[in-house]
């Protein structure tokens, strides 16, 4: 189980780093990586493709990260402890201790009355 969890964590970290790179390469005003290769207008040939690719890659990497997180939770969960609800063992309280020479009627058992045999 530990190796599967480690694999998922490594994949999530790689996808997160790639997502950070993709977001940092984009410029919110339409420049970014596409502005470096041919101006700031997104109507030029090739530049629109770069913007589309980066936007799709950003959404895809975000979806991959969410999917990997959900898969890691589902596949590495321990069903015996995660879904098993057991009641704790019921313990009885110990009998109260009384000091010698005291008559505590609350804790002393009351003897049953003796019955006389019926005469015929």
PDB file of N, CA and C in Angstrom:
ATOM      1  N   UNK A   1       0.814  -1.187   0.000  1.00  0.00           N
ATOM      2  CA  UNK A   1       0.000   0.000   0.000  1.00  0.00           C
ATOM      3  C   UNK A   1       0.862   1.257   0.000  1.00  0.00           C
ATOM      4  N   UNK A   2       1.980   1.232   0.679  1.00  0.00           N
ATOM      5  CA  UNK A   2       2.831   2.414   0.776  1.00  0.00           C
ATOM      6  C   UNK A   2       3.420   2.812  -0.560  1.00  0.00           C
ATOM      7  N   UNK A   3       3.737   1.831  -1.409  1.00  0.00           N
ATOM      8  CA  UNK A   3       4.333   2.170  -2.698  1.00  0.00           C
ATOM      9  C   UNK A   3       3.303   2.785  -3.645  1.00  0.00           C
ATOM     10  N   UNK A   4       2.057   2.360  -3.561  1.00  0.00           N
ATOM     11  CA  UNK A   4       1.008   2.935  -4.401  1.00  0.00           C
ATOM     12  C   UNK A   4       0.767   4.384  -4.000  1.00  0.00           C
ATOM     13  N   UNK A   5       0.721   4.624  -2.697  1.00  0.00           N
ATOM     14  CA  UNK A   5       0.519   5.984  -2.200  1.00  0.00           C
ATOM     15  C   UNK A   5       1.673   6.887  -2.623  1.00  0.00           C
ATOM     16  N   UNK A   6       2.901   6.382  -2.527  1.00  0.00           N
ATOM     17  CA  UNK A   6       4.074   7.160  -2.931  1.00  0.00           C
ATOM     18  C   UNK A   6       4.024   7.463  -4.421  1.00  0.00           C
ATOM     19  N   UNK A   7       3.626   6.489  -5.223  1.00  0.00           N
ATOM     20  CA  UNK A   7       3.510   6.707  -6.664  1.00  0.00           C
ATOM     21  C   UNK A   7       2.496   7.803  -6.977  1.00  0.00           C
ATOM     22  N   UNK A   8       1.349   7.754  -6.319  1.00  0.00           N
ATOM     23  CA  UNK A   8       0.340   8.789  -6.530  1.00  0.00           C
ATOM     24  C   UNK A   8       0.859  10.163  -6.108  1.00  0.00           C
ATOM     25  N   UNK A   9       1.570  10.232  -4.994  1.00  0.00           N
ATOM     26  CA  UNK A   9       2.094  11.514  -4.529  1.00  0.00           C
ATOM     27  C   UNK A   9       3.110  12.085  -5.505  1.00  0.00           C
ATOM     28  N   UNK A  10       3.962  11.239  -6.065  1.00  0.00           N
ATOM     29  CA  UNK A  10       4.947  11.703  -7.039  1.00  0.00           C
ATOM     30  C   UNK A  10       4.242  12.208  -8.306  1.00  0.00           C
ATOM     31  N   UNK A  11       3.242  11.466  -8.777  1.00  0.00           N
ATOM     32  CA  UNK A  11       2.502  11.903  -9.969  1.00  0.00           C
ATOM     33  C   UNK A  11       1.749  13.211  -9.713  1.00  0.00           C
ATOM     34  N   UNK A  12       1.182  13.371  -8.532  1.00  0.00           N
ATOM     35  CA  UNK A  12       0.469  14.602  -8.193  1.00  0.00           C
ATOM     36  C   UNK A  12       1.447  15.777  -8.136  1.00  0.00           C
ATOM     37  N   UNK A  13       2.632  15.558  -7.587  1.00  0.00           N
ATOM     38  CA  UNK A  13       3.623  16.642  -7.525  1.00  0.00           C
ATOM     39  C   UNK A  13       4.116  17.038  -8.912  1.00  0.00           C
ATOM     40  N   UNK A  14       4.346  16.061  -9.777  1.00  0.00           N
ATOM     41  CA  UNK A  14       4.786  16.371 -11.144  1.00  0.00           C
ATOM     42  C   UNK A  14       3.709  17.158 -11.884  1.00  0.00           C
ATOM     43  N   UNK A  15       2.455  16.709 -11.775  1.00  0.00           N
ATOM     44  CA  UNK A  15       1.361  17.419 -12.442  1.00  0.00           C
ATOM     45  C   UNK A  15       1.191  18.823 -11.858  1.00  0.00           C
ATOM     46  N   UNK A  16       1.399  18.988 -10.570  1.00  0.00           N
ATOM     47  CA  UNK A  16       1.279  20.308  -9.948  1.00  0.00           C
ATOM     48  C   UNK A  16       2.365  21.255 -10.427  1.00  0.00           C
ATOM     49  N   UNK A  17       3.578  20.756 -10.548  1.00  0.00           N
ATOM     50  CA  UNK A  17       4.679  21.592 -11.049  1.00  0.00           C
ATOM     51  C   UNK A  17       4.423  21.994 -12.495  1.00  0.00           C
ATOM     52  N   UNK A  18       3.951  21.047 -13.312  1.00  0.00           N
ATOM     53  CA  UNK A  18       3.619  21.381 -14.698  1.00  0.00           C
ATOM     54  C   UNK A  18       2.488  22.412 -14.763  1.00  0.00           C
ATOM     55  N   UNK A  19       1.516  22.297 -13.892  1.00  0.00           N
ATOM     56  CA  UNK A  19       0.421  23.265 -13.857  1.00  0.00           C
ATOM     57  C   UNK A  19       0.933  24.649 -13.464  1.00  0.00           C
ATOM     58  N   UNK A  20       1.833  24.709 -12.516  1.00  0.00           N
ATOM     59  CA  UNK A  20       2.412  25.994 -12.125  1.00  0.00           C
ATOM     60  C   UNK A  20       3.160  26.620 -13.296  1.00  0.00           C
ATOM     61  N   UNK A  21       3.913  25.810 -14.018  1.00  0.00           N
ATOM     62  CA  UNK A  21       4.652  26.321 -15.179  1.00  0.00           C
ATOM     63  C   UNK A  21       3.689  26.833 -16.241  1.00  0.00           C
ATOM     64  N   UNK A  22       2.615  26.102 -16.485  1.00  0.00           N
ATOM     65  CA  UNK A  22       1.644  26.529 -17.502  1.00  0.00           C
ATOM     66  C   UNK A  22       0.966  27.838 -17.105  1.00  0.00           C
ATOM     67  N   UNK A  23       0.615  27.983 -15.848  1.00  0.00           N
ATOM     68  CA  UNK A  23      -0.048  29.208 -15.400  1.00  0.00           C
ATOM     69  C   UNK A  23       0.925  30.384 -15.436  1.00  0.00           C
ATOM     70  N   UNK A  24       2.160  30.152 -15.035  1.00  0.00           N
ATOM     71  CA  UNK A  24       3.142  31.239 -15.038  1.00  0.00           C
ATOM     72  C   UNK A  24       3.501  31.677 -16.452  1.00  0.00           C
ATOM     73  N   UNK A  25       3.425  30.780 -17.431  1.00  0.00           N
ATOM     74  CA  UNK A  25       3.764  31.124 -18.811  1.00  0.00           C
ATOM     75  C   UNK A  25       2.669  31.957 -19.459  1.00  0.00           C
ATOM     76  N   UNK A  26       1.462  31.920 -18.910  1.00  0.00           N
ATOM     77  CA  UNK A  26       0.364  32.693 -19.493  1.00  0.00           C
ATOM     78  C   UNK A  26       0.372  34.098 -18.923  1.00  0.00           C
ATOM     79  N   UNK A  27       0.002  35.044 -19.767  1.00  0.00           N
ATOM     80  CA  UNK A  27      -0.128  36.430 -19.335  1.00  0.00           C
ATOM     81  C   UNK A  27      -1.615  36.743 -19.311  1.00  0.00           C
ATOM     82  N   UNK A  28      -2.134  37.297 -18.242  1.00  0.00           N
ATOM     83  CA  UNK A  28      -3.575  37.543 -18.180  1.00  0.00           C
ATOM     84  C   UNK A  28      -4.072  38.560 -19.200  1.00  0.00           C
ATOM     85  N   UNK A  29      -3.167  39.354 -19.777  1.00  0.00           N
ATOM     86  CA  UNK A  29      -3.574  40.358 -20.757  1.00  0.00           C
ATOM     87  C   UNK A  29      -3.420  39.869 -22.196  1.00  0.00           C
ATOM     88  N   UNK A  30      -3.198  38.601 -22.380  1.00  0.00           N
ATOM     89  CA  UNK A  30      -3.097  38.064 -23.733  1.00  0.00           C
ATOM     90  C   UNK A  30      -1.679  37.933 -24.237  1.00  0.00           C
ATOM     91  N   UNK A  31      -0.701  38.315 -23.454  1.00  0.00           N
ATOM     92  CA  UNK A  31       0.692  38.206 -23.877  1.00  0.00           C
ATOM     93  C   UNK A  31       1.233  36.837 -23.542  1.00  0.00           C
ATOM     94  N   UNK A  32       2.067  36.775 -22.544  1.00  0.00           N
ATOM     95  CA  UNK A  32       2.620  35.504 -22.080  1.00  0.00           C
ATOM     96  C   UNK A  32       3.521  34.865 -23.102  1.00  0.00           C
ATOM     97  N   UNK A  33       3.475  33.570 -23.180  1.00  0.00           N
ATOM     98  CA  UNK A  33       4.327  32.822 -24.093  1.00  0.00           C
ATOM     99  C   UNK A  33       3.982  33.128 -25.538  1.00  0.00           C
ATOM    100  N   UNK A  34       2.701  33.322 -25.821  1.00  0.00           N
ATOM    101  CA  UNK A  34       2.301  33.611 -27.197  1.00  0.00           C
ATOM    102  C   UNK A  34       2.766  34.994 -27.616  1.00  0.00           C
ATOM    103  N   UNK A  35       2.860  35.936 -26.699  1.00  0.00           N
ATOM    104  CA  UNK A  35       3.344  37.273 -27.031  1.00  0.00           C
ATOM    105  C   UNK A  35       4.825  37.282 -27.310  1.00  0.00           C
ATOM    106  N   UNK A  36       5.556  36.347 -26.778  1.00  0.00           N
ATOM    107  CA  UNK A  36       6.987  36.275 -27.007  1.00  0.00           C
ATOM    108  C   UNK A  36       7.294  35.855 -28.438  1.00  0.00           C
ATOM    109  N   UNK A  37       6.432  35.070 -29.045  1.00  0.00           N
ATOM    110  CA  UNK A  37       6.707  34.511 -30.362  1.00  0.00           C
ATOM    111  C   UNK A  37       6.028  35.240 -31.502  1.00  0.00           C
ATOM    112  N   UNK A  38       5.512  36.417 -31.344  1.00  0.00           N
ATOM    113  CA  UNK A  38       4.915  37.056 -32.503  1.00  0.00           C
ATOM    114  C   UNK A  38       4.017  38.226 -32.183  1.00  0.00           C
ATOM    115  N   UNK A  39       4.244  38.910 -31.108  1.00  0.00           N
ATOM    116  CA  UNK A  39       3.424  40.069 -30.824  1.00  0.00           C
ATOM    117  C   UNK A  39       2.358  39.760 -29.790  1.00  0.00           C
ATOM    118  N   UNK A  40       1.550  40.756 -29.495  1.00  0.00           N
ATOM    119  CA  UNK A  40       0.551  40.602 -28.459  1.00  0.00           C
ATOM    120  C   UNK A  40      -0.826  40.311 -29.010  1.00  0.00           C
ATOM    121  N   UNK A  41      -1.003  40.378 -30.295  1.00  0.00           N
ATOM    122  CA  UNK A  41      -2.308  40.119 -30.877  1.00  0.00           C
ATOM    123  C   UNK A  41      -2.543  38.619 -30.970  1.00  0.00           C
ATOM    124  N   UNK A  42      -3.709  38.171 -30.509  1.00  0.00           N
ATOM    125  CA  UNK A  42      -4.001  36.742 -30.561  1.00  0.00           C
ATOM    126  C   UNK A  42      -4.660  36.360 -31.878  1.00  0.00           C
ATOM    127  N   UNK A  43      -4.776  37.306 -32.817  1.00  0.00           N
ATOM    128  CA  UNK A  43      -5.393  37.022 -34.098  1.00  0.00           C
ATOM    129  C   UNK A  43      -4.371  36.564 -35.130  1.00  0.00           C
ATOM    130  N   UNK A  44      -3.089  36.654 -34.829  1.00  0.00           N
ATOM    131  CA  UNK A  44      -2.062  36.238 -35.780  1.00  0.00           C
ATOM    132  C   UNK A  44      -2.036  34.720 -35.885  1.00  0.00           C
ATOM    133  N   UNK A  45      -1.556  34.263 -37.035  1.00  0.00           N
ATOM    134  CA  UNK A  45      -1.492  32.821 -37.272  1.00  0.00           C
ATOM    135  C   UNK A  45      -0.490  32.187 -36.316  1.00  0.00           C
ATOM    136  N   UNK A  46      -0.893  31.116 -35.643  1.00  0.00           N
ATOM    137  CA  UNK A  46      -0.015  30.384 -34.739  1.00  0.00           C
ATOM    138  C   UNK A  46      -0.115  30.836 -33.304  1.00  0.00           C
ATOM    139  N   UNK A  47      -0.370  32.092 -33.097  1.00  0.00           N
ATOM    140  CA  UNK A  47      -0.452  32.598 -31.741  1.00  0.00           C
ATOM    141  C   UNK A  47      -1.738  32.119 -31.069  1.00  0.00           C
ATOM    142  N   UNK A  48      -2.825  32.094 -31.811  1.00  0.00           N
ATOM    143  CA  UNK A  48      -4.086  31.608 -31.270  1.00  0.00           C
ATOM    144  C   UNK A  48      -3.950  30.143 -30.877  1.00  0.00           C
ATOM    145  N   UNK A  49      -3.208  29.405 -31.668  1.00  0.00           N
ATOM    146  CA  UNK A  49      -3.005  27.995 -31.337  1.00  0.00           C
ATOM    147  C   UNK A  49      -2.244  27.841 -30.026  1.00  0.00           C
ATOM    148  N   UNK A  50      -1.266  28.712 -29.798  1.00  0.00           N
ATOM    149  CA  UNK A  50      -0.501  28.642 -28.553  1.00  0.00           C
ATOM    150  C   UNK A  50      -1.399  28.942 -27.362  1.00  0.00           C
ATOM    151  N   UNK A  51      -2.253  29.955 -27.491  1.00  0.00           N
ATOM    152  CA  UNK A  51      -3.176  30.278 -26.401  1.00  0.00           C
ATOM    153  C   UNK A  51      -4.149  29.133 -26.147  1.00  0.00           C
ATOM    154  N   UNK A  52      -4.680  28.545 -27.220  1.00  0.00           N
ATOM    155  CA  UNK A  52      -5.605  27.423 -27.067  1.00  0.00           C
ATOM    156  C   UNK A  52      -4.924  26.232 -26.401  1.00  0.00           C
ATOM    157  N   UNK A  53      -3.696  25.940 -26.845  1.00  0.00           N
ATOM    158  CA  UNK A  53      -2.964  24.809 -26.269  1.00  0.00           C
ATOM    159  C   UNK A  53      -2.723  25.027 -24.780  1.00  0.00           C
ATOM    160  N   UNK A  54      -2.284  26.228 -24.419  1.00  0.00           N
ATOM    161  CA  UNK A  54      -1.964  26.489 -23.014  1.00  0.00           C
ATOM    162  C   UNK A  54      -3.223  26.462 -22.145  1.00  0.00           C
ATOM    163  N   UNK A  55      -4.327  26.952 -22.695  1.00  0.00           N
ATOM    164  CA  UNK A  55      -5.574  26.915 -21.926  1.00  0.00           C
ATOM    165  C   UNK A  55      -6.057  25.482 -21.742  1.00  0.00           C
ATOM    166  N   UNK A  56      -6.009  24.694 -22.807  1.00  0.00           N
ATOM    167  CA  UNK A  56      -6.424  23.288 -22.701  1.00  0.00           C
ATOM    168  C   UNK A  56      -5.494  22.495 -21.781  1.00  0.00           C
ATOM    169  N   UNK A  57      -4.201  22.788 -21.871  1.00  0.00           N
ATOM    170  CA  UNK A  57      -3.240  22.086 -21.018  1.00  0.00           C
ATOM    171  C   UNK A  57      -3.467  22.432 -19.551  1.00  0.00           C
ATOM    172  N   UNK A  58      -3.813  23.679 -19.273  1.00  0.00           N
ATOM    173  CA  UNK A  58      -4.078  24.088 -17.893  1.00  0.00           C
ATOM    174  C   UNK A  58      -5.288  23.355 -17.331  1.00  0.00           C
ATOM    175  N   UNK A  59      -6.364  23.336 -18.096  1.00  0.00           N
ATOM    176  CA  UNK A  59      -7.571  22.631 -17.639  1.00  0.00           C
ATOM    177  C   UNK A  59      -7.327  21.134 -17.510  1.00  0.00           C
ATOM    178  N   UNK A  60      -6.583  20.566 -18.442  1.00  0.00           N
ATOM    179  CA  UNK A  60      -6.298  19.129 -18.402  1.00  0.00           C
ATOM    180  C   UNK A  60      -5.452  18.772 -17.181  1.00  0.00           C
ATOM    181  N   UNK A  61      -4.419  19.578 -16.919  1.00  0.00           N
ATOM    182  CA  UNK A  61      -3.573  19.292 -15.758  1.00  0.00           C
ATOM    183  C   UNK A  61      -4.359  19.436 -14.453  1.00  0.00           C
ATOM    184  N   UNK A  62      -5.239  20.413 -14.387  1.00  0.00           N
ATOM    185  CA  UNK A  62      -6.080  20.561 -13.202  1.00  0.00           C
ATOM    186  C   UNK A  62      -6.975  19.348 -12.999  1.00  0.00           C
ATOM    187  N   UNK A  63      -7.570  18.864 -14.085  1.00  0.00           N
ATOM    188  CA  UNK A  63      -8.429  17.679 -13.994  1.00  0.00           C
ATOM    189  C   UNK A  63      -7.619  16.437 -13.620  1.00  0.00           C
ATOM    190  N   UNK A  64      -6.417  16.325 -14.143  1.00  0.00           N
ATOM    191  CA  UNK A  64      -5.564  15.179 -13.824  1.00  0.00           C
ATOM    192  C   UNK A  64      -5.200  15.181 -12.340  1.00  0.00           C
ATOM    193  N   UNK A  65      -4.910  16.360 -11.799  1.00  0.00           N
ATOM    194  CA  UNK A  65      -4.560  16.448 -10.381  1.00  0.00           C
ATOM    195  C   UNK A  65      -5.744  16.013  -9.515  1.00  0.00           C
ATOM    196  N   UNK A  66      -6.931  16.508  -9.835  1.00  0.00           N
ATOM    197  CA  UNK A  66      -8.122  16.125  -9.067  1.00  0.00           C
ATOM    198  C   UNK A  66      -8.365  14.622  -9.179  1.00  0.00           C
ATOM    199  N   UNK A  67      -8.242  14.080 -10.377  1.00  0.00           N
ATOM    200  CA  UNK A  67      -8.448  12.646 -10.584  1.00  0.00           C
ATOM    201  C   UNK A  67      -7.425  11.808  -9.815  1.00  0.00           C
ATOM    202  N   UNK A  68      -6.162  12.226  -9.835  1.00  0.00           N
ATOM    203  CA  UNK A  68      -5.137  11.486  -9.098  1.00  0.00           C
ATOM    204  C   UNK A  68      -5.381  11.533  -7.588  1.00  0.00           C
ATOM    205  N   UNK A  69      -5.837  12.668  -7.081  1.00  0.00           N
ATOM    206  CA  UNK A  69      -6.119  12.773  -5.656  1.00  0.00           C
ATOM    207  C   UNK A  69      -7.261  11.840  -5.274  1.00  0.00           C
ATOM    208  N   UNK A  70      -8.328  11.851  -6.074  1.00  0.00           N
ATOM    209  CA  UNK A  70      -9.463  10.968  -5.771  1.00  0.00           C
ATOM    210  C   UNK A  70      -9.072   9.496  -5.865  1.00  0.00           C
ATOM    211  N   UNK A  71      -8.302   9.143  -6.886  1.00  0.00           N
ATOM    212  CA  UNK A  71      -7.858   7.754  -7.017  1.00  0.00           C
ATOM    213  C   UNK A  71      -6.957   7.337  -5.861  1.00  0.00           C
ATOM    214  N   UNK A  72      -6.083   8.234  -5.418  1.00  0.00           N
ATOM    215  CA  UNK A  72      -5.196   7.878  -4.312  1.00  0.00           C
ATOM    216  C   UNK A  72      -5.983   7.646  -3.029  1.00  0.00           C
ATOM    217  N   UNK A  73      -7.044   8.416  -2.823  1.00  0.00           N
ATOM    218  CA  UNK A  73      -7.862   8.220  -1.631  1.00  0.00           C
ATOM    219  C   UNK A  73      -8.623   6.903  -1.710  1.00  0.00           C
ATOM    220  N   UNK A  74      -9.188   6.616  -2.872  1.00  0.00           N
ATOM    221  CA  UNK A  74      -9.997   5.402  -3.021  1.00  0.00           C
ATOM    222  C   UNK A  74      -9.124   4.146  -2.975  1.00  0.00           C
ATOM    223  N   UNK A  75      -8.005   4.164  -3.665  1.00  0.00           N
ATOM    224  CA  UNK A  75      -7.193   2.949  -3.780  1.00  0.00           C
ATOM    225  C   UNK A  75      -6.317   2.682  -2.563  1.00  0.00           C
ATOM    226  N   UNK A  76      -5.994   3.704  -1.800  1.00  0.00           N
ATOM    227  CA  UNK A  76      -5.125   3.477  -0.653  1.00  0.00           C
ATOM    228  C   UNK A  76      -5.887   3.449   0.669  1.00  0.00           C
ATOM    229  N   UNK A  77      -7.210   3.561   0.618  1.00  0.00           N
ATOM    230  CA  UNK A  77      -8.002   3.504   1.852  1.00  0.00           C
ATOM    231  C   UNK A  77      -8.006   2.082   2.388  1.00  0.00           C
ATOM    232  N   UNK A  78      -8.074   1.964   3.692  1.00  0.00           N
ATOM    233  CA  UNK A  78      -8.141   0.651   4.331  1.00  0.00           C
ATOM    234  C   UNK A  78      -9.588   0.411   4.730  1.00  0.00           C
ATOM    235  N   UNK A  79     -10.312  -0.426   3.993  1.00  0.00           N
ATOM    236  CA  UNK A  79     -11.727  -0.619   4.290  1.00  0.00           C
ATOM    237  C   UNK A  79     -11.994  -1.214   5.668  1.00  0.00           C
ATOM    238  N   UNK A  80     -11.068  -1.983   6.199  1.00  0.00           N
ATOM    239  CA  UNK A  80     -11.312  -2.609   7.496  1.00  0.00           C
ATOM    240  C   UNK A  80     -11.373  -1.569   8.605  1.00  0.00           C
ATOM    241  N   UNK A  81     -10.638  -0.464   8.458  1.00  0.00           N
ATOM    242  CA  UNK A  81     -10.664   0.559   9.499  1.00  0.00           C
ATOM    243  C   UNK A  81     -11.492   1.765   9.088  1.00  0.00           C
ATOM    244  N   UNK A  82     -11.633   2.013   7.812  1.00  0.00           N
ATOM    245  CA  UNK A  82     -12.334   3.213   7.369  1.00  0.00           C
ATOM    246  C   UNK A  82     -13.846   3.079   7.500  1.00  0.00           C
ATOM    247  N   UNK A  83     -14.393   1.925   7.203  1.00  0.00           N
ATOM    248  CA  UNK A  83     -15.841   1.771   7.172  1.00  0.00           C
ATOM    249  C   UNK A  83     -16.379   0.887   8.287  1.00  0.00           C
ATOM    250  N   UNK A  84     -15.525   0.279   9.051  1.00  0.00           N
ATOM    251  CA  UNK A  84     -15.965  -0.628  10.103  1.00  0.00           C
ATOM    252  C   UNK A  84     -16.205   0.179  11.373  1.00  0.00           C
ATOM    253  N   UNK A  85     -17.438   0.155  11.824  1.00  0.00           N
ATOM    254  CA  UNK A  85     -17.774   0.867  13.048  1.00  0.00           C
ATOM    255  C   UNK A  85     -18.067  -0.161  14.130  1.00  0.00           C
ATOM    256  N   UNK A  86     -17.167  -0.268  15.056  1.00  0.00           N
ATOM    257  CA  UNK A  86     -17.351  -1.219  16.137  1.00  0.00           C
ATOM    258  C   UNK A  86     -17.594  -0.453  17.425  1.00  0.00           C
ATOM    259  N   UNK A  87     -18.485  -0.994  18.213  1.00  0.00           N
ATOM    260  CA  UNK A  87     -18.761  -0.389  19.515  1.00  0.00           C
ATOM    261  C   UNK A  87     -17.663  -0.817  20.475  1.00  0.00           C
ATOM    262  N   UNK A  88     -17.230   0.084  21.338  1.00  0.00           N
ATOM    263  CA  UNK A  88     -16.198  -0.313  22.293  1.00  0.00           C
ATOM    264  C   UNK A  88     -16.740  -1.366  23.247  1.00  0.00           C
ATOM    265  N   UNK A  89     -15.847  -2.196  23.725  1.00  0.00           N
ATOM    266  CA  UNK A  89     -16.246  -3.264  24.643  1.00  0.00           C
ATOM    267  C   UNK A  89     -16.856  -2.654  25.894  1.00  0.00           C
ATOM    268  N   UNK A  90     -17.964  -3.202  26.310  1.00  0.00           N
ATOM    269  CA  UNK A  90     -18.665  -2.671  27.477  1.00  0.00           C
ATOM    270  C   UNK A  90     -18.017  -3.213  28.741  1.00  0.00           C
ATOM    271  N   UNK A  91     -17.640  -2.302  29.580  1.00  0.00           N
ATOM    272  CA  UNK A  91     -17.006  -2.693  30.828  1.00  0.00           C
ATOM    273  C   UNK A  91     -17.959  -2.401  31.974  1.00  0.00           C
ATOM    274  N   UNK A  92     -18.029  -3.358  32.893  1.00  0.00           N
ATOM    275  CA  UNK A  92     -18.871  -3.158  34.061  1.00  0.00           C
ATOM    276  C   UNK A  92     -18.068  -2.452  35.141  1.00  0.00           C
ATOM    277  N   UNK A  93     -18.748  -1.621  35.877  1.00  0.00           N
ATOM    278  CA  UNK A  93     -18.091  -0.920  36.968  1.00  0.00           C
ATOM    279  C   UNK A  93     -17.792  -1.898  38.091  1.00  0.00           C
ATOM    280  N   UNK A  94     -16.667  -1.718  38.765  1.00  0.00           N
ATOM    281  CA  UNK A  94     -16.355  -2.621  39.877  1.00  0.00           C
ATOM    282  C   UNK A  94     -17.319  -2.374  41.035  1.00  0.00           C
ATOM    283  N   UNK A  95     -17.504  -3.395  41.836  1.00  0.00           N
ATOM    284  CA  UNK A  95     -18.398  -3.290  43.000  1.00  0.00           C
ATOM    285  C   UNK A  95     -17.835  -2.258  43.967  1.00  0.00           C
ATOM    286  N   UNK A  96     -18.692  -1.412  44.510  1.00  0.00           N
ATOM    287  CA  UNK A  96     -18.185  -0.397  45.436  1.00  0.00           C
ATOM    288  C   UNK A  96     -17.641  -1.043  46.709  1.00  0.00           C
ATOM    289  N   UNK A  97     -16.559  -0.505  47.181  1.00  0.00           N
ATOM    290  CA  UNK A  97     -15.919  -1.016  48.385  1.00  0.00           C
ATOM    291  C   UNK A  97     -16.450  -0.245  49.593  1.00  0.00           C
ATOM    292  N   UNK A  98     -16.749  -0.963  50.654  1.00  0.00           N
ATOM    293  CA  UNK A  98     -17.198  -0.310  51.881  1.00  0.00           C
ATOM    294  C   UNK A  98     -16.176  -0.554  52.968  1.00  0.00           C
ATOM    295  N   UNK A  99     -16.087   0.392  53.857  1.00  0.00           N
ATOM    296  CA  UNK A  99     -15.150   0.250  54.967  1.00  0.00           C
ATOM    297  C   UNK A  99     -15.665  -0.804  55.930  1.00  0.00           C
ATOM    298  N   UNK A 100     -14.788  -1.541  56.566  1.00  0.00           N
ATOM    299  CA  UNK A 100     -15.228  -2.554  57.522  1.00  0.00           C
ATOM    300  C   UNK A 100     -15.980  -1.903  58.686  1.00  0.00           C
ATOM    301  N   UNK A 101     -17.061  -2.525  59.128  1.00  0.00           N
ATOM    302  CA  UNK A 101     -17.820  -2.056  60.264  1.00  0.00           C
ATOM    303  C   UNK A 101     -18.926  -1.089  59.896  1.00  0.00           C
ATOM    304  N   UNK A 102     -19.034  -0.727  58.663  1.00  0.00           N
ATOM    305  CA  UNK A 102     -20.120   0.175  58.267  1.00  0.00           C
ATOM    306  C   UNK A 102     -21.230  -0.651  57.666  1.00  0.00           C
ATOM    307  N   UNK A 103     -22.436  -0.227  57.871  1.00  0.00           N
ATOM    308  CA  UNK A 103     -23.592  -0.920  57.344  1.00  0.00           C
ATOM    309  C   UNK A 103     -24.171  -0.060  56.230  1.00  0.00           C
ATOM    310  N   UNK A 104     -23.790  -0.355  55.041  1.00  0.00           N
ATOM    311  CA  UNK A 104     -24.282   0.399  53.899  1.00  0.00           C
ATOM    312  C   UNK A 104     -25.335  -0.450  53.220  1.00  0.00           C
ATOM    313  N   UNK A 105     -26.600  -0.157  53.475  1.00  0.00           N
ATOM    314  CA  UNK A 105     -27.673  -0.995  52.956  1.00  0.00           C
ATOM    315  C   UNK A 105     -27.843  -0.860  51.453  1.00  0.00           C
ATOM    316  N   UNK A 106     -27.326   0.181  50.882  1.00  0.00           N
ATOM    317  CA  UNK A 106     -27.466   0.350  49.434  1.00  0.00           C
ATOM    318  C   UNK A 106     -26.616  -0.648  48.686  1.00  0.00           C
ATOM    319  N   UNK A 107     -25.514  -1.062  49.280  1.00  0.00           N
ATOM    320  CA  UNK A 107     -24.627  -1.983  48.585  1.00  0.00           C
ATOM    321  C   UNK A 107     -24.745  -3.406  49.101  1.00  0.00           C
ATOM    322  N   UNK A 108     -25.390  -3.592  50.227  1.00  0.00           N
ATOM    323  CA  UNK A 108     -25.520  -4.930  50.797  1.00  0.00           C
ATOM    324  C   UNK A 108     -26.757  -5.599  50.220  1.00  0.00           C
ATOM    325  N   UNK A 109     -26.654  -6.855  49.820  1.00  0.00           N
ATOM    326  CA  UNK A 109     -27.838  -7.536  49.302  1.00  0.00           C
ATOM    327  C   UNK A 109     -28.838  -7.820  50.426  1.00  0.00           C
ATOM    328  N   UNK A 110     -30.085  -7.721  50.117  1.00  0.00           N
ATOM    329  CA  UNK A 110     -31.148  -7.994  51.091  1.00  0.00           C
ATOM    330  C   UNK A 110     -31.528  -9.453  50.944  1.00  0.00           C
ATOM    331  N   UNK A 111     -31.484 -10.221  52.046  1.00  0.00           N
ATOM    332  CA  UNK A 111     -31.813 -11.639  51.925  1.00  0.00           C
ATOM    333  C   UNK A 111     -33.315 -11.814  51.667  1.00  0.00           C
ATOM    334  N   UNK A 112     -33.634 -12.874  50.942  1.00  0.00           N
ATOM    335  CA  UNK A 112     -35.038 -13.169  50.646  1.00  0.00           C
ATOM    336  C   UNK A 112     -35.710 -13.710  51.894  1.00  0.00           C
ATOM    337  N   UNK A 113     -36.972 -13.368  52.126  1.00  0.00           N
ATOM    338  CA  UNK A 113     -37.659 -13.876  53.340  1.00  0.00           C
ATOM    339  C   UNK A 113     -37.857 -15.393  53.221  1.00  0.00           C
ATOM    340  N   UNK A 114     -37.715 -16.058  54.372  1.00  0.00           N
ATOM    341  CA  UNK A 114     -37.882 -17.503  54.402  1.00  0.00           C
ATOM    342  C   UNK A 114     -39.370 -17.820  54.390  1.00  0.00           C
ATOM    343  N   UNK A 115     -39.753 -18.788  53.614  1.00  0.00           N
ATOM    344  CA  UNK A 115     -41.158 -19.172  53.568  1.00  0.00           C
ATOM    345  C   UNK A 115     -41.349 -20.484  54.296  1.00  0.00           C
ATOM    346  N   UNK A 116     -42.422 -20.562  55.019  1.00  0.00           N
ATOM    347  CA  UNK A 116     -42.702 -21.784  55.766  1.00  0.00           C
ATOM    348  C   UNK A 116     -43.371 -22.776  54.833  1.00  0.00           C
ATOM    349  N   UNK A 117     -43.060 -24.067  55.024  1.00  0.00           N
ATOM    350  CA  UNK A 117     -43.708 -25.054  54.165  1.00  0.00           C
ATOM    351  C   UNK A 117     -45.221 -25.125  54.470  1.00  0.00           C
ATOM    352  N   UNK A 118     -45.949 -25.318  53.473  1.00  0.00           N
ATOM    353  CA  UNK A 118     -47.418 -25.387  53.637  1.00  0.00           C
ATOM    354  C   UNK A 118     -47.802 -26.705  54.289  1.00  0.00           C
ATOM    355  N   UNK A 119     -48.648 -26.653  55.366  1.00  0.00           N
ATOM    356  CA  UNK A 119     -49.108 -27.868  56.062  1.00  0.00           C
ATOM    357  C   UNK A 119     -50.358 -28.410  55.411  1.00  0.00           C
ATOM    358  N   UNK A 120     -50.444 -29.709  55.338  1.00  0.00           N
ATOM    359  CA  UNK A 120     -51.629 -30.352  54.768  1.00  0.00           C
ATOM    360  C   UNK A 120     -52.389 -31.047  55.795  1.00  0.00           C
TER     361      UNK A 120
END
